[in-house]
């Protein structure tokens, strides 16, 4: 039985981990979902901190007491949020690649030939 690689990619594109379920690689699903959960949580924390320090910096400007620490912290959390956005994109892309490769290798057999006592070498010559 073989699996369709593009079907696995489509399923993983719609719902991350669905392609791994389709390929019967069930142990990969919690890893993918855990990575997305962690990265999504970190993105939200950094975005909340960015919004908080952005508001504090704007209030300090309107009260004519500009605080450069608020500006530095705002920029730091914005950069961190943007990095986690990139990390989420990388994990999403790796999810798609894994579904594609795993479906190609679904029926790949690595068992030894138990009926043969000898190792076999296949040599092809073109004359």
C-alpha atoms as a PDB file:
ATOM      1  CA  UNK A   1       0.000   0.000   0.000  1.00  0.00           C
ATOM      2  CA  UNK A   2       1.401   3.364  -0.944  1.00  0.00           C
ATOM      3  CA  UNK A   3       0.451   6.857   0.155  1.00  0.00           C
ATOM      4  CA  UNK A   4       0.043   9.938  -2.003  1.00  0.00           C
ATOM      5  CA  UNK A   5       2.760  12.501  -1.107  1.00  0.00           C
ATOM      6  CA  UNK A   6       0.760  15.516  -2.265  1.00  0.00           C
ATOM      7  CA  UNK A   7      -2.309  14.332  -0.401  1.00  0.00           C
ATOM      8  CA  UNK A   8      -0.207  14.137   2.769  1.00  0.00           C
ATOM      9  CA  UNK A   9       1.178  17.635   2.128  1.00  0.00           C
ATOM     10  CA  UNK A  10      -2.305  19.027   1.544  1.00  0.00           C
ATOM     11  CA  UNK A  11      -3.600  17.481   4.752  1.00  0.00           C
ATOM     12  CA  UNK A  12      -0.622  18.805   6.724  1.00  0.00           C
ATOM     13  CA  UNK A  13      -1.081  22.236   5.167  1.00  0.00           C
ATOM     14  CA  UNK A  14      -4.696  22.363   6.316  1.00  0.00           C
ATOM     15  CA  UNK A  15      -4.121  20.945   9.814  1.00  0.00           C
ATOM     16  CA  UNK A  16      -0.542  20.449  11.012  1.00  0.00           C
ATOM     17  CA  UNK A  17      -0.106  16.819  12.011  1.00  0.00           C
ATOM     18  CA  UNK A  18      -2.901  15.506   9.798  1.00  0.00           C
ATOM     19  CA  UNK A  19      -0.393  14.429   7.155  1.00  0.00           C
ATOM     20  CA  UNK A  20       1.511  12.464   9.786  1.00  0.00           C
ATOM     21  CA  UNK A  21      -1.763  10.838  10.837  1.00  0.00           C
ATOM     22  CA  UNK A  22      -2.433   9.969   7.184  1.00  0.00           C
ATOM     23  CA  UNK A  23       1.060   8.426   6.956  1.00  0.00           C
ATOM     24  CA  UNK A  24       0.452   6.485  10.190  1.00  0.00           C
ATOM     25  CA  UNK A  25       3.355   8.203  11.952  1.00  0.00           C
ATOM     26  CA  UNK A  26       1.318   8.800  15.077  1.00  0.00           C
ATOM     27  CA  UNK A  27       4.289   9.490  17.340  1.00  0.00           C
ATOM     28  CA  UNK A  28       5.150  12.648  15.368  1.00  0.00           C
ATOM     29  CA  UNK A  29       1.785  14.330  15.971  1.00  0.00           C
ATOM     30  CA  UNK A  30       2.422  15.352  19.628  1.00  0.00           C
ATOM     31  CA  UNK A  31       5.857  16.672  18.656  1.00  0.00           C
ATOM     32  CA  UNK A  32       4.401  18.887  15.934  1.00  0.00           C
ATOM     33  CA  UNK A  33       1.494  20.068  18.051  1.00  0.00           C
ATOM     34  CA  UNK A  34       3.806  20.677  21.012  1.00  0.00           C
ATOM     35  CA  UNK A  35       6.156  22.760  18.882  1.00  0.00           C
ATOM     36  CA  UNK A  36       3.275  24.857  17.559  1.00  0.00           C
ATOM     37  CA  UNK A  37       1.831  25.271  21.054  1.00  0.00           C
ATOM     38  CA  UNK A  38       5.140  26.385  22.557  1.00  0.00           C
ATOM     39  CA  UNK A  39       5.958  28.769  19.715  1.00  0.00           C
ATOM     40  CA  UNK A  40       2.424  30.171  19.675  1.00  0.00           C
ATOM     41  CA  UNK A  41       2.560  30.768  23.427  1.00  0.00           C
ATOM     42  CA  UNK A  42       5.918  32.530  23.176  1.00  0.00           C
ATOM     43  CA  UNK A  43       4.615  34.646  20.291  1.00  0.00           C
ATOM     44  CA  UNK A  44       1.597  35.707  22.389  1.00  0.00           C
ATOM     45  CA  UNK A  45       3.710  36.560  25.453  1.00  0.00           C
ATOM     46  CA  UNK A  46       6.100  38.667  23.400  1.00  0.00           C
ATOM     47  CA  UNK A  47       3.243  40.361  21.541  1.00  0.00           C
ATOM     48  CA  UNK A  48       1.503  41.220  24.825  1.00  0.00           C
ATOM     49  CA  UNK A  49       4.737  42.669  26.225  1.00  0.00           C
ATOM     50  CA  UNK A  50       5.284  44.614  23.000  1.00  0.00           C
ATOM     51  CA  UNK A  51       1.800  46.140  23.205  1.00  0.00           C
ATOM     52  CA  UNK A  52       2.277  46.951  26.895  1.00  0.00           C
ATOM     53  CA  UNK A  53       5.589  48.781  26.378  1.00  0.00           C
ATOM     54  CA  UNK A  54       4.306  50.467  23.224  1.00  0.00           C
ATOM     55  CA  UNK A  55       1.442  51.940  25.238  1.00  0.00           C
ATOM     56  CA  UNK A  56       3.770  52.949  28.078  1.00  0.00           C
ATOM     57  CA  UNK A  57       6.126  54.634  25.612  1.00  0.00           C
ATOM     58  CA  UNK A  58       3.263  56.508  23.954  1.00  0.00           C
ATOM     59  CA  UNK A  59       2.016  57.680  27.359  1.00  0.00           C
ATOM     60  CA  UNK A  60       5.502  58.880  28.266  1.00  0.00           C
ATOM     61  CA  UNK A  61       5.683  60.857  25.008  1.00  0.00           C
ATOM     62  CA  UNK A  62       2.279  62.461  25.571  1.00  0.00           C
ATOM     63  CA  UNK A  63       3.274  63.498  29.097  1.00  0.00           C
ATOM     64  CA  UNK A  64       6.544  65.024  27.757  1.00  0.00           C
ATOM     65  CA  UNK A  65       8.653  62.667  29.865  1.00  0.00           C
ATOM     66  CA  UNK A  66      10.062  60.384  27.197  1.00  0.00           C
ATOM     67  CA  UNK A  67      11.447  57.193  28.724  1.00  0.00           C
ATOM     68  CA  UNK A  68      14.000  55.519  26.461  1.00  0.00           C
ATOM     69  CA  UNK A  69      13.809  52.283  28.450  1.00  0.00           C
ATOM     70  CA  UNK A  70      10.221  51.813  27.305  1.00  0.00           C
ATOM     71  CA  UNK A  71      11.391  52.297  23.730  1.00  0.00           C
ATOM     72  CA  UNK A  72      14.199  49.730  24.105  1.00  0.00           C
ATOM     73  CA  UNK A  73      11.894  47.175  25.710  1.00  0.00           C
ATOM     74  CA  UNK A  74       9.244  47.779  23.039  1.00  0.00           C
ATOM     75  CA  UNK A  75      11.773  47.110  20.285  1.00  0.00           C
ATOM     76  CA  UNK A  76      13.164  44.049  22.086  1.00  0.00           C
ATOM     77  CA  UNK A  77       9.753  42.396  22.420  1.00  0.00           C
ATOM     78  CA  UNK A  78       8.815  43.293  18.864  1.00  0.00           C
ATOM     79  CA  UNK A  79      12.009  41.643  17.608  1.00  0.00           C
ATOM     80  CA  UNK A  80      11.346  38.569  19.747  1.00  0.00           C
ATOM     81  CA  UNK A  81       7.768  38.349  18.468  1.00  0.00           C
ATOM     82  CA  UNK A  82       9.002  38.587  14.884  1.00  0.00           C
ATOM     83  CA  UNK A  83      11.582  35.848  15.510  1.00  0.00           C
ATOM     84  CA  UNK A  84       8.903  33.533  16.860  1.00  0.00           C
ATOM     85  CA  UNK A  85       6.833  34.261  13.748  1.00  0.00           C
ATOM     86  CA  UNK A  86       9.767  33.029  11.667  1.00  0.00           C
ATOM     87  CA  UNK A  87      10.157  29.959  13.899  1.00  0.00           C
ATOM     88  CA  UNK A  88       6.465  29.127  13.443  1.00  0.00           C
ATOM     89  CA  UNK A  89       6.911  29.368   9.674  1.00  0.00           C
ATOM     90  CA  UNK A  90       9.942  27.070   9.794  1.00  0.00           C
ATOM     91  CA  UNK A  91       8.095  24.460  11.873  1.00  0.00           C
ATOM     92  CA  UNK A  92       5.138  24.669   9.473  1.00  0.00           C
ATOM     93  CA  UNK A  93       7.441  24.123   6.487  1.00  0.00           C
ATOM     94  CA  UNK A  94       9.205  21.206   8.220  1.00  0.00           C
ATOM     95  CA  UNK A  95       5.786  19.712   8.944  1.00  0.00           C
ATOM     96  CA  UNK A  96       4.981  19.776   5.215  1.00  0.00           C
ATOM     97  CA  UNK A  97       8.371  18.368   4.211  1.00  0.00           C
ATOM     98  CA  UNK A  98       8.087  15.567   6.759  1.00  0.00           C
ATOM     99  CA  UNK A  99       4.623  14.592   5.491  1.00  0.00           C
ATOM    100  CA  UNK A 100       5.890  14.520   1.908  1.00  0.00           C
ATOM    101  CA  UNK A 101       9.023  12.458   2.632  1.00  0.00           C
ATOM    102  CA  UNK A 102       7.245  10.115   5.022  1.00  0.00           C
ATOM    103  CA  UNK A 103       4.568   9.301   2.453  1.00  0.00           C
ATOM    104  CA  UNK A 104       7.259   8.536  -0.137  1.00  0.00           C
ATOM    105  CA  UNK A 105       8.944   6.149   2.281  1.00  0.00           C
ATOM    106  CA  UNK A 106       5.715   4.633   3.629  1.00  0.00           C
ATOM    107  CA  UNK A 107       6.146   1.227   1.997  1.00  0.00           C
ATOM    108  CA  UNK A 108       9.951   1.184   2.070  1.00  0.00           C
ATOM    109  CA  UNK A 109      11.075  -2.151   3.475  1.00  0.00           C
ATOM    110  CA  UNK A 110      14.319  -2.469   5.457  1.00  0.00           C
ATOM    111  CA  UNK A 111      13.874  -6.057   6.615  1.00  0.00           C
ATOM    112  CA  UNK A 112      16.559  -8.570   5.805  1.00  0.00           C
ATOM    113  CA  UNK A 113      15.790 -11.403   3.435  1.00  0.00           C
ATOM    114  CA  UNK A 114      15.319 -14.245   5.908  1.00  0.00           C
ATOM    115  CA  UNK A 115      15.221 -16.882   3.172  1.00  0.00           C
ATOM    116  CA  UNK A 116      18.803 -16.279   2.061  1.00  0.00           C
ATOM    117  CA  UNK A 117      21.935 -17.181   3.988  1.00  0.00           C
ATOM    118  CA  UNK A 118      24.196 -15.200   1.702  1.00  0.00           C
ATOM    119  CA  UNK A 119      24.612 -11.529   1.093  1.00  0.00           C
ATOM    120  CA  UNK A 120      23.731 -10.473  -2.406  1.00  0.00           C
ATOM    121  CA  UNK A 121      25.507  -7.863  -4.459  1.00  0.00           C
ATOM    122  CA  UNK A 122      23.841  -6.509  -7.557  1.00  0.00           C
ATOM    123  CA  UNK A 123      26.127  -5.228 -10.272  1.00  0.00           C
ATOM    124  CA  UNK A 124      24.890  -3.746 -13.516  1.00  0.00           C
ATOM    125  CA  UNK A 125      27.179  -3.344 -16.503  1.00  0.00           C
ATOM    126  CA  UNK A 126      26.365  -1.402 -19.620  1.00  0.00           C
ATOM    127  CA  UNK A 127      28.165  -2.634 -22.710  1.00  0.00           C
END
